[in-house]
C-alpha atoms as a PDB file:
ATOM      1  CA  UNK A   1     -36.018 -15.393  57.953  1.00  0.00           C
ATOM      2  CA  UNK A   2     -35.550 -15.950  54.200  1.00  0.00           C
ATOM      3  CA  UNK A   3     -35.147 -12.232  53.689  1.00  0.00           C
ATOM      4  CA  UNK A   4     -32.494 -12.042  56.362  1.00  0.00           C
ATOM      5  CA  UNK A   5     -30.560 -15.059  54.767  1.00  0.00           C
ATOM      6  CA  UNK A   6     -30.902 -13.443  51.400  1.00  0.00           C
ATOM      7  CA  UNK A   7     -29.392 -10.204  52.743  1.00  0.00           C
ATOM      8  CA  UNK A   8     -26.564 -12.001  54.493  1.00  0.00           C
ATOM      9  CA  UNK A   9     -25.713 -13.966  51.282  1.00  0.00           C
ATOM     10  CA  UNK A  10     -25.635 -10.752  49.311  1.00  0.00           C
ATOM     11  CA  UNK A  11     -23.359  -9.140  51.734  1.00  0.00           C
ATOM     12  CA  UNK A  12     -21.098 -12.162  51.686  1.00  0.00           C
ATOM     13  CA  UNK A  13     -20.869 -12.270  47.933  1.00  0.00           C
ATOM     14  CA  UNK A  14     -20.437  -8.559  47.700  1.00  0.00           C
ATOM     15  CA  UNK A  15     -17.401  -8.864  49.856  1.00  0.00           C
ATOM     16  CA  UNK A  16     -15.897 -11.515  47.611  1.00  0.00           C
ATOM     17  CA  UNK A  17     -16.713  -9.345  44.564  1.00  0.00           C
ATOM     18  CA  UNK A  18     -14.892  -6.445  46.046  1.00  0.00           C
ATOM     19  CA  UNK A  19     -11.700  -8.535  46.156  1.00  0.00           C
ATOM     20  CA  UNK A  20     -11.638  -9.069  42.361  1.00  0.00           C
ATOM     21  CA  UNK A  21     -10.490  -6.674  39.748  1.00  0.00           C
ATOM     22  CA  UNK A  22     -13.452  -4.572  38.355  1.00  0.00           C
ATOM     23  CA  UNK A  23     -13.058  -3.557  34.851  1.00  0.00           C
ATOM     24  CA  UNK A  24     -15.275  -0.558  33.756  1.00  0.00           C
ATOM     25  CA  UNK A  25     -17.305  -0.324  30.642  1.00  0.00           C
ATOM     26  CA  UNK A  26     -16.063   1.167  27.350  1.00  0.00           C
ATOM     27  CA  UNK A  27     -15.199   4.911  27.520  1.00  0.00           C
ATOM     28  CA  UNK A  28     -14.609   4.762  31.401  1.00  0.00           C
ATOM     29  CA  UNK A  29     -11.485   4.424  33.369  1.00  0.00           C
ATOM     30  CA  UNK A  30     -10.934   0.940  34.883  1.00  0.00           C
ATOM     31  CA  UNK A  31     -10.537   0.881  38.684  1.00  0.00           C
ATOM     32  CA  UNK A  32      -8.861  -1.911  40.485  1.00  0.00           C
ATOM     33  CA  UNK A  33     -10.156  -2.259  44.008  1.00  0.00           C
ATOM     34  CA  UNK A  34      -8.694  -4.422  46.686  1.00  0.00           C
ATOM     35  CA  UNK A  35      -9.717  -4.955  50.321  1.00  0.00           C
ATOM     36  CA  UNK A  36      -6.297  -3.858  51.574  1.00  0.00           C
ATOM     37  CA  UNK A  37      -5.685  -7.078  53.460  1.00  0.00           C
ATOM     38  CA  UNK A  38      -2.193  -8.308  52.513  1.00  0.00           C
ATOM     39  CA  UNK A  39      -1.884 -10.690  55.330  1.00  0.00           C
ATOM     40  CA  UNK A  40       0.340 -10.687  58.443  1.00  0.00           C
ATOM     41  CA  UNK A  41       3.533 -11.171  56.541  1.00  0.00           C
ATOM     42  CA  UNK A  42       2.729  -8.215  54.266  1.00  0.00           C
ATOM     43  CA  UNK A  43       2.056  -5.894  57.268  1.00  0.00           C
ATOM     44  CA  UNK A  44       5.324  -7.048  58.809  1.00  0.00           C
ATOM     45  CA  UNK A  45       7.176  -6.372  55.593  1.00  0.00           C
ATOM     46  CA  UNK A  46       5.526  -3.051  55.312  1.00  0.00           C
ATOM     47  CA  UNK A  47       6.667  -2.259  58.872  1.00  0.00           C
ATOM     48  CA  UNK A  48      10.277  -3.158  58.185  1.00  0.00           C
ATOM     49  CA  UNK A  49      10.140  -1.067  54.984  1.00  0.00           C
ATOM     50  CA  UNK A  50       8.999   2.048  56.975  1.00  0.00           C
ATOM     51  CA  UNK A  51      11.671   1.414  59.529  1.00  0.00           C
ATOM     52  CA  UNK A  52      14.377   1.245  56.842  1.00  0.00           C
ATOM     53  CA  UNK A  53      13.123   4.568  55.342  1.00  0.00           C
ATOM     54  CA  UNK A  54      13.278   6.241  58.871  1.00  0.00           C
ATOM     55  CA  UNK A  55      16.631   4.803  59.693  1.00  0.00           C
ATOM     56  CA  UNK A  56      18.394   5.926  56.488  1.00  0.00           C
ATOM     57  CA  UNK A  57      16.551   9.193  56.126  1.00  0.00           C
ATOM     58  CA  UNK A  58      17.309  11.364  54.088  1.00  0.00           C
ATOM     59  CA  UNK A  59      19.329   9.016  52.040  1.00  0.00           C
ATOM     60  CA  UNK A  60      16.390   6.662  51.738  1.00  0.00           C
ATOM     61  CA  UNK A  61      14.528   9.318  49.710  1.00  0.00           C
ATOM     62  CA  UNK A  62      16.685   8.428  46.659  1.00  0.00           C
ATOM     63  CA  UNK A  63      14.848   5.084  46.615  1.00  0.00           C
ATOM     64  CA  UNK A  64      11.429   5.991  47.713  1.00  0.00           C
ATOM     65  CA  UNK A  65      10.660   9.124  45.719  1.00  0.00           C
ATOM     66  CA  UNK A  66      10.125   8.724  41.879  1.00  0.00           C
ATOM     67  CA  UNK A  67       9.293  11.085  39.090  1.00  0.00           C
ATOM     68  CA  UNK A  68       7.307  10.458  35.936  1.00  0.00           C
ATOM     69  CA  UNK A  69       7.025  12.811  33.053  1.00  0.00           C
ATOM     70  CA  UNK A  70       3.866  14.691  31.927  1.00  0.00           C
ATOM     71  CA  UNK A  71       3.180  12.055  29.183  1.00  0.00           C
ATOM     72  CA  UNK A  72       3.852   9.084  31.493  1.00  0.00           C
ATOM     73  CA  UNK A  73       1.994   7.215  34.212  1.00  0.00           C
ATOM     74  CA  UNK A  74       3.407   4.752  36.858  1.00  0.00           C
ATOM     75  CA  UNK A  75       1.416   1.565  37.820  1.00  0.00           C
ATOM     76  CA  UNK A  76       2.548   0.565  41.377  1.00  0.00           C
ATOM     77  CA  UNK A  77       2.528  -2.955  42.598  1.00  0.00           C
ATOM     78  CA  UNK A  78       2.773  -3.693  46.361  1.00  0.00           C
ATOM     79  CA  UNK A  79       3.679  -7.313  47.023  1.00  0.00           C
ATOM     80  CA  UNK A  80       2.362  -8.130  43.616  1.00  0.00           C
ATOM     81  CA  UNK A  81      -0.846  -6.317  43.906  1.00  0.00           C
ATOM     82  CA  UNK A  82      -1.934  -3.122  42.083  1.00  0.00           C
ATOM     83  CA  UNK A  83      -2.394  -0.268  44.501  1.00  0.00           C
ATOM     84  CA  UNK A  84      -5.927   1.138  44.521  1.00  0.00           C
ATOM     85  CA  UNK A  85      -6.407   4.572  43.017  1.00  0.00           C
ATOM     86  CA  UNK A  86      -5.106   3.878  39.659  1.00  0.00           C
ATOM     87  CA  UNK A  87      -1.858   4.913  38.029  1.00  0.00           C
ATOM     88  CA  UNK A  88       0.212   7.681  39.597  1.00  0.00           C
ATOM     89  CA  UNK A  89       1.534  10.670  37.882  1.00  0.00           C
ATOM     90  CA  UNK A  90       2.572  12.981  36.406  1.00  0.00           C
ATOM     91  CA  UNK A  91       5.058  14.289  38.878  1.00  0.00           C
ATOM     92  CA  UNK A  92       6.443  12.817  42.099  1.00  0.00           C
ATOM     93  CA  UNK A  93       5.079   9.701  43.834  1.00  0.00           C
ATOM     94  CA  UNK A  94       6.234   7.624  46.775  1.00  0.00           C
ATOM     95  CA  UNK A  95       7.134   3.943  46.970  1.00  0.00           C
ATOM     96  CA  UNK A  96       8.315   1.710  49.742  1.00  0.00           C
ATOM     97  CA  UNK A  97      11.649  -0.083  49.146  1.00  0.00           C
ATOM     98  CA  UNK A  98      11.878  -3.859  48.872  1.00  0.00           C
ATOM     99  CA  UNK A  99       8.068  -4.295  48.624  1.00  0.00           C
ATOM    100  CA  UNK A 100       6.998  -1.874  45.904  1.00  0.00           C
ATOM    101  CA  UNK A 101       7.633  -2.065  42.194  1.00  0.00           C
ATOM    102  CA  UNK A 102       6.239   0.206  39.436  1.00  0.00           C
ATOM    103  CA  UNK A 103       6.070   0.234  35.671  1.00  0.00           C
ATOM    104  CA  UNK A 104       6.101   3.290  33.543  1.00  0.00           C
ATOM    105  CA  UNK A 105       3.547   3.538  30.639  1.00  0.00           C
ATOM    106  CA  UNK A 106       3.851   6.036  27.788  1.00  0.00           C
ATOM    107  CA  UNK A 107       0.459   7.716  27.157  1.00  0.00           C
ATOM    108  CA  UNK A 108       1.477   9.539  23.944  1.00  0.00           C
ATOM    109  CA  UNK A 109      -0.031   8.644  20.573  1.00  0.00           C
ATOM    110  CA  UNK A 110       2.206   6.303  18.570  1.00  0.00           C
ATOM    111  CA  UNK A 111       2.294   5.317  14.987  1.00  0.00           C
ATOM    112  CA  UNK A 112       2.721   1.833  13.559  1.00  0.00           C
ATOM    113  CA  UNK A 113       3.071   0.623  10.034  1.00  0.00           C
ATOM    114  CA  UNK A 114       1.178  -2.532   9.243  1.00  0.00           C
ATOM    115  CA  UNK A 115       3.349  -4.714   7.122  1.00  0.00           C
ATOM    116  CA  UNK A 116       2.063  -5.348   3.468  1.00  0.00           C
ATOM    117  CA  UNK A 117      -0.551  -8.092   3.512  1.00  0.00           C
ATOM    118  CA  UNK A 118      -1.248 -10.448   0.550  1.00  0.00           C
ATOM    119  CA  UNK A 119      -5.046 -10.429   0.468  1.00  0.00           C
ATOM    120  CA  UNK A 120      -7.450 -12.317  -1.866  1.00  0.00           C
ATOM    121  CA  UNK A 121     -10.475  -9.981  -2.411  1.00  0.00           C
ATOM    122  CA  UNK A 122     -14.059 -11.094  -2.839  1.00  0.00           C
ATOM    123  CA  UNK A 123     -13.723 -11.271  -6.608  1.00  0.00           C
ATOM    124  CA  UNK A 124     -10.675 -13.507  -6.464  1.00  0.00           C
ATOM    125  CA  UNK A 125      -7.955 -10.826  -7.127  1.00  0.00           C
ATOM    126  CA  UNK A 126      -4.647 -10.930  -5.213  1.00  0.00           C
ATOM    127  CA  UNK A 127      -3.540  -7.599  -3.951  1.00  0.00           C
ATOM    128  CA  UNK A 128      -0.880  -6.341  -1.446  1.00  0.00           C
ATOM    129  CA  UNK A 129      -2.133  -3.700   1.063  1.00  0.00           C
ATOM    130  CA  UNK A 130      -0.276  -1.932   3.703  1.00  0.00           C
ATOM    131  CA  UNK A 131      -1.802   0.473   6.313  1.00  0.00           C
ATOM    132  CA  UNK A 132      -0.740   2.745   9.260  1.00  0.00           C
ATOM    133  CA  UNK A 133      -2.521   2.962  12.638  1.00  0.00           C
ATOM    134  CA  UNK A 134      -2.417   5.615  15.320  1.00  0.00           C
ATOM    135  CA  UNK A 135      -2.942   4.365  18.833  1.00  0.00           C
ATOM    136  CA  UNK A 136      -2.515   5.561  22.408  1.00  0.00           C
ATOM    137  CA  UNK A 137      -3.076   4.177  25.874  1.00  0.00           C
ATOM    138  CA  UNK A 138      -5.995   5.691  27.809  1.00  0.00           C
ATOM    139  CA  UNK A 139      -5.736   3.400  30.951  1.00  0.00           C
ATOM    140  CA  UNK A 140      -2.262   2.663  32.138  1.00  0.00           C
ATOM    141  CA  UNK A 141      -3.486  -0.014  34.659  1.00  0.00           C
ATOM    142  CA  UNK A 142      -5.387  -1.941  31.977  1.00  0.00           C
ATOM    143  CA  UNK A 143      -2.523  -1.807  29.520  1.00  0.00           C
ATOM    144  CA  UNK A 144      -0.203  -3.204  32.232  1.00  0.00           C
ATOM    145  CA  UNK A 145      -2.343  -5.933  33.963  1.00  0.00           C
ATOM    146  CA  UNK A 146      -4.561  -7.252  31.074  1.00  0.00           C
ATOM    147  CA  UNK A 147      -1.947  -7.672  28.310  1.00  0.00           C
ATOM    148  CA  UNK A 148       1.732  -8.317  28.286  1.00  0.00           C
ATOM    149  CA  UNK A 149       2.563  -5.999  25.392  1.00  0.00           C
ATOM    150  CA  UNK A 150      -0.251  -3.738  24.465  1.00  0.00           C
ATOM    151  CA  UNK A 151       1.383  -2.132  21.415  1.00  0.00           C
ATOM    152  CA  UNK A 152       2.627  -5.381  19.931  1.00  0.00           C
ATOM    153  CA  UNK A 153      -0.713  -7.112  20.491  1.00  0.00           C
ATOM    154  CA  UNK A 154      -2.534  -4.106  18.703  1.00  0.00           C
ATOM    155  CA  UNK A 155      -0.101  -4.303  15.762  1.00  0.00           C
ATOM    156  CA  UNK A 156      -0.826  -8.092  15.297  1.00  0.00           C
ATOM    157  CA  UNK A 157      -4.467  -7.529  15.667  1.00  0.00           C
ATOM    158  CA  UNK A 158      -4.377  -4.834  13.052  1.00  0.00           C
ATOM    159  CA  UNK A 159      -2.658  -7.110  10.588  1.00  0.00           C
ATOM    160  CA  UNK A 160      -5.227  -9.863  10.987  1.00  0.00           C
ATOM    161  CA  UNK A 161      -8.176  -7.304  10.955  1.00  0.00           C
ATOM    162  CA  UNK A 162      -6.852  -5.811   7.714  1.00  0.00           C
ATOM    163  CA  UNK A 163      -6.877  -9.271   6.057  1.00  0.00           C
ATOM    164  CA  UNK A 164     -10.359 -10.064   7.323  1.00  0.00           C
ATOM    165  CA  UNK A 165     -12.004  -6.755   6.324  1.00  0.00           C
ATOM    166  CA  UNK A 166     -10.449  -6.602   2.835  1.00  0.00           C
ATOM    167  CA  UNK A 167     -11.300 -10.171   2.157  1.00  0.00           C
ATOM    168  CA  UNK A 168     -14.994  -9.292   2.171  1.00  0.00           C
ATOM    169  CA  UNK A 169     -14.574  -6.332  -0.396  1.00  0.00           C
ATOM    170  CA  UNK A 170     -14.264  -6.344  -4.185  1.00  0.00           C
ATOM    171  CA  UNK A 171     -11.205  -4.808  -5.826  1.00  0.00           C
ATOM    172  CA  UNK A 172     -13.173  -1.831  -7.083  1.00  0.00           C
ATOM    173  CA  UNK A 173     -14.418  -1.048  -3.553  1.00  0.00           C
ATOM    174  CA  UNK A 174     -10.876  -1.524  -2.329  1.00  0.00           C
ATOM    175  CA  UNK A 175      -9.662   1.247  -4.753  1.00  0.00           C
ATOM    176  CA  UNK A 176     -12.488   3.659  -4.302  1.00  0.00           C
ATOM    177  CA  UNK A 177     -13.896   3.275  -0.761  1.00  0.00           C
ATOM    178  CA  UNK A 178     -10.703   3.476   1.288  1.00  0.00           C
ATOM    179  CA  UNK A 179     -12.340   5.868   3.791  1.00  0.00           C
ATOM    180  CA  UNK A 180     -15.226   3.467   4.517  1.00  0.00           C
ATOM    181  CA  UNK A 181     -12.773   0.499   4.897  1.00  0.00           C
ATOM    182  CA  UNK A 182     -10.505   2.462   7.250  1.00  0.00           C
ATOM    183  CA  UNK A 183     -13.544   3.579   9.408  1.00  0.00           C
ATOM    184  CA  UNK A 184     -14.794  -0.050   9.601  1.00  0.00           C
ATOM    185  CA  UNK A 185     -11.210  -1.238  10.643  1.00  0.00           C
ATOM    186  CA  UNK A 186     -10.981   1.427  13.177  1.00  0.00           C
ATOM    187  CA  UNK A 187     -14.290   0.532  14.876  1.00  0.00           C
ATOM    188  CA  UNK A 188     -13.313  -3.228  15.030  1.00  0.00           C
ATOM    189  CA  UNK A 189      -9.840  -2.493  16.396  1.00  0.00           C
ATOM    190  CA  UNK A 190     -11.238   0.066  18.917  1.00  0.00           C
ATOM    191  CA  UNK A 191     -13.796  -2.475  20.285  1.00  0.00           C
ATOM    192  CA  UNK A 192     -11.191  -5.346  20.509  1.00  0.00           C
ATOM    193  CA  UNK A 193      -8.522  -3.318  22.186  1.00  0.00           C
ATOM    194  CA  UNK A 194     -10.785  -1.628  24.864  1.00  0.00           C
ATOM    195  CA  UNK A 195      -9.978  -4.235  27.424  1.00  0.00           C
ATOM    196  CA  UNK A 196      -6.352  -3.651  26.950  1.00  0.00           C
ATOM    197  CA  UNK A 197      -6.645   0.150  27.688  1.00  0.00           C
ATOM    198  CA  UNK A 198      -5.686   0.987  24.160  1.00  0.00           C
ATOM    199  CA  UNK A 199      -7.494   3.504  21.984  1.00  0.00           C
ATOM    200  CA  UNK A 200      -7.279   3.294  18.142  1.00  0.00           C
ATOM    201  CA  UNK A 201      -7.490   6.869  16.989  1.00  0.00           C
ATOM    202  CA  UNK A 202      -7.052   6.483  13.323  1.00  0.00           C
ATOM    203  CA  UNK A 203      -6.536   3.907  10.615  1.00  0.00           C
ATOM    204  CA  UNK A 204      -5.329   4.875   7.094  1.00  0.00           C
ATOM    205  CA  UNK A 205      -4.694   2.585   4.112  1.00  0.00           C
ATOM    206  CA  UNK A 206      -1.387   3.603   2.563  1.00  0.00           C
ATOM    207  CA  UNK A 207      -1.070   1.727  -0.598  1.00  0.00           C
ATOM    208  CA  UNK A 208      -2.778  -0.872  -2.760  1.00  0.00           C
ATOM    209  CA  UNK A 209      -0.333  -2.732  -5.078  1.00  0.00           C
ATOM    210  CA  UNK A 210      -1.865  -4.709  -7.969  1.00  0.00           C
ATOM    211  CA  UNK A 211      -0.162  -7.530  -9.936  1.00  0.00           C
ATOM    212  CA  UNK A 212       1.722  -6.319 -13.081  1.00  0.00           C
ATOM    213  CA  UNK A 213      -0.592  -8.358 -15.423  1.00  0.00           C
ATOM    214  CA  UNK A 214      -3.664  -6.790 -13.811  1.00  0.00           C
ATOM    215  CA  UNK A 215      -2.175  -3.387 -14.102  1.00  0.00           C
ATOM    216  CA  UNK A 216      -1.497  -3.865 -17.916  1.00  0.00           C
ATOM    217  CA  UNK A 217      -5.036  -5.217 -18.417  1.00  0.00           C
ATOM    218  CA  UNK A 218      -6.512  -2.231 -16.550  1.00  0.00           C
ATOM    219  CA  UNK A 219      -4.374   0.202 -18.617  1.00  0.00           C
ATOM    220  CA  UNK A 220      -5.393  -1.447 -21.875  1.00  0.00           C
ATOM    221  CA  UNK A 221      -9.034  -1.176 -20.835  1.00  0.00           C
ATOM    222  CA  UNK A 222      -8.692   2.504 -19.877  1.00  0.00           C
ATOM    223  CA  UNK A 223      -6.889   3.196 -23.150  1.00  0.00           C
ATOM    224  CA  UNK A 224      -9.605   1.469 -25.186  1.00  0.00           C
ATOM    225  CA  UNK A 225     -12.346   3.327 -23.347  1.00  0.00           C
ATOM    226  CA  UNK A 226     -10.570   6.719 -23.968  1.00  0.00           C
ATOM    227  CA  UNK A 227     -10.107   5.854 -27.630  1.00  0.00           C
ATOM    228  CA  UNK A 228     -13.791   5.015 -27.951  1.00  0.00           C
ATOM    229  CA  UNK A 229     -14.780   8.279 -26.287  1.00  0.00           C
ATOM    230  CA  UNK A 230     -12.448  10.191 -28.575  1.00  0.00           C
ATOM    231  CA  UNK A 231     -14.030   8.603 -31.671  1.00  0.00           C
ATOM    232  CA  UNK A 232     -17.395   9.480 -30.445  1.00  0.00           C
ATOM    233  CA  UNK A 233     -16.456  13.063 -29.853  1.00  0.00           C
ATOM    234  CA  UNK A 234     -14.765  13.349 -33.346  1.00  0.00           C
ATOM    235  CA  UNK A 235     -17.957  11.869 -35.007  1.00  0.00           C
ATOM    236  CA  UNK A 236     -20.138  14.277 -33.165  1.00  0.00           C
ATOM    237  CA  UNK A 237     -17.866  17.134 -34.312  1.00  0.00           C
ATOM    238  CA  UNK A 238     -17.985  15.978 -37.943  1.00  0.00           C
ATOM    239  CA  UNK A 239     -21.824  15.753 -37.711  1.00  0.00           C
ATOM    240  CA  UNK A 240     -22.065  19.341 -36.418  1.00  0.00           C
ATOM    241  CA  UNK A 241     -19.577  20.616 -39.036  1.00  0.00           C
ATOM    242  CA  UNK A 242     -21.602  18.986 -41.875  1.00  0.00           C
ATOM    243  CA  UNK A 243     -24.787  20.532 -40.609  1.00  0.00           C
ATOM    244  CA  UNK A 244     -23.072  23.936 -40.484  1.00  0.00           C
ATOM    245  CA  UNK A 245     -21.736  23.466 -44.059  1.00  0.00           C
ATOM    246  CA  UNK A 246     -25.124  22.501 -45.253  1.00  0.00           C
ATOM    247  CA  UNK A 247     -26.717  25.652 -43.790  1.00  0.00           C
ATOM    248  CA  UNK A 248     -23.900  27.767 -45.279  1.00  0.00           C
ATOM    249  CA  UNK A 249     -24.463  26.212 -48.680  1.00  0.00           C
ATOM    250  CA  UNK A 250     -28.218  26.833 -48.472  1.00  0.00           C
ATOM    251  CA  UNK A 251     -27.543  30.423 -47.670  1.00  0.00           C
ATOM    252  CA  UNK A 252     -25.078  30.919 -50.536  1.00  0.00           C
ATOM    253  CA  UNK A 253     -27.455  29.409 -53.137  1.00  0.00           C
ATOM    254  CA  UNK A 254     -29.861  32.123 -52.491  1.00  0.00           C
ATOM    255  CA  UNK A 255     -27.145  34.764 -53.643  1.00  0.00           C
ATOM    256  CA  UNK A 256     -24.894  33.706 -56.516  1.00  0.00           C
ATOM    257  CA  UNK A 257     -22.647  36.749 -55.667  1.00  0.00           C
ATOM    258  CA  UNK A 258     -21.832  35.256 -52.306  1.00  0.00           C
ATOM    259  CA  UNK A 259     -20.104  32.236 -53.857  1.00  0.00           C
ATOM    260  CA  UNK A 260     -17.927  34.690 -55.986  1.00  0.00           C
ATOM    261  CA  UNK A 261     -17.055  36.699 -52.839  1.00  0.00           C
ATOM    262  CA  UNK A 262     -16.116  33.494 -51.052  1.00  0.00           C
ATOM    263  CA  UNK A 263     -13.853  32.567 -54.014  1.00  0.00           C
ATOM    264  CA  UNK A 264     -12.158  35.979 -53.678  1.00  0.00           C
ATOM    265  CA  UNK A 265     -11.700  35.733 -50.013  1.00  0.00           C
ATOM    266  CA  UNK A 266     -10.095  32.277 -50.486  1.00  0.00           C
ATOM    267  CA  UNK A 267      -7.627  33.804 -53.175  1.00  0.00           C
ATOM    268  CA  UNK A 268      -6.736  36.558 -50.686  1.00  0.00           C
ATOM    269  CA  UNK A 269      -5.923  34.095 -47.963  1.00  0.00           C
ATOM    270  CA  UNK A 270      -3.757  32.049 -50.423  1.00  0.00           C
ATOM    271  CA  UNK A 271      -1.908  35.154 -51.626  1.00  0.00           C
ATOM    272  CA  UNK A 272      -1.133  36.311 -48.092  1.00  0.00           C
ATOM    273  CA  UNK A 273       0.994  33.141 -47.554  1.00  0.00           C
ATOM    274  CA  UNK A 274       3.353  34.057 -50.445  1.00  0.00           C
ATOM    275  CA  UNK A 275       2.732  31.017 -52.349  1.00  0.00           C
ATOM    276  CA  UNK A 276       4.106  30.620 -55.939  1.00  0.00           C
ATOM    277  CA  UNK A 277       1.033  28.757 -57.182  1.00  0.00           C
ATOM    278  CA  UNK A 278      -2.322  30.151 -57.156  1.00  0.00           C
ATOM    279  CA  UNK A 279      -5.368  28.083 -58.166  1.00  0.00           C
ATOM    280  CA  UNK A 280      -8.254  29.932 -59.652  1.00  0.00           C
ATOM    281  CA  UNK A 281     -11.438  28.058 -58.833  1.00  0.00           C
ATOM    282  CA  UNK A 282     -13.904  27.679 -61.632  1.00  0.00           C
ATOM    283  CA  UNK A 283     -17.580  27.967 -60.717  1.00  0.00           C
ATOM    284  CA  UNK A 284     -19.487  24.719 -61.140  1.00  0.00           C
ATOM    285  CA  UNK A 285     -22.390  26.521 -62.702  1.00  0.00           C
ATOM    286  CA  UNK A 286     -20.230  27.517 -65.734  1.00  0.00           C
ATOM    287  CA  UNK A 287     -19.148  23.881 -66.270  1.00  0.00           C
ATOM    288  CA  UNK A 288     -22.757  22.667 -66.170  1.00  0.00           C
ATOM    289  CA  UNK A 289     -23.642  25.325 -68.860  1.00  0.00           C
ATOM    290  CA  UNK A 290     -20.992  24.035 -71.239  1.00  0.00           C
ATOM    291  CA  UNK A 291     -21.889  20.389 -70.506  1.00  0.00           C
ATOM    292  CA  UNK A 292     -25.495  21.164 -71.571  1.00  0.00           C
ATOM    293  CA  UNK A 293     -24.287  22.802 -74.859  1.00  0.00           C
END
């Protein structure tokens, strides 16, 4: 007896659940199922509508046959209820006059610019960031029934998500990890817009504008760093040059004639430039000899 009552109750609640809209999980198309019972008045209106179509045939075809493009879908409402079977299109579809209404939904990918947002980063730096999002509708029925304006809602959600995500990052991460930030934003937006039938395909951060004072400070820091590296490089060059000169002096001290040949080579290079003044170098050894005497 208890099992029979349980089975009856499950059948009863199952009938009630069939009357509600059933939203599928993420990645699946949402199907709206109805029991088809629109009441006596609904059937009477449907009968009158069919009679009007038959009486004014073929002129009534102008009102009953509609066309949607390849990139569009049509969501049909009959007496305020969504027809089972999902959106219609592309191509021809049939509606009943006076009782049917439909709404076209564009399924193409659209691009929206997120307005610049004044954001306070984690390290208390105020920056202005703007982004661009690429979105498309993957379920026309959900985009029509679950939200009044899917595109505008997605744009507003993108603005708030941009502020929330960048508020948890440092300025250095904001400048270097744009791809990671964009991927994080795309995941959050995609999860939030799934019940609306909207797919966020891509998010890109366009520009990060820093305050003028901060730009000057960063430029001064970069310039000082470059000057420090240049001084280090110059010092290393002087050190290597002094070592090379010491090695050359050691080699020349072993052969006194080498120093004289070096003097002659220097004179040759000076004379090649057509100078009016020629300096004859005097060996230091000769001076030391005279000083000793």
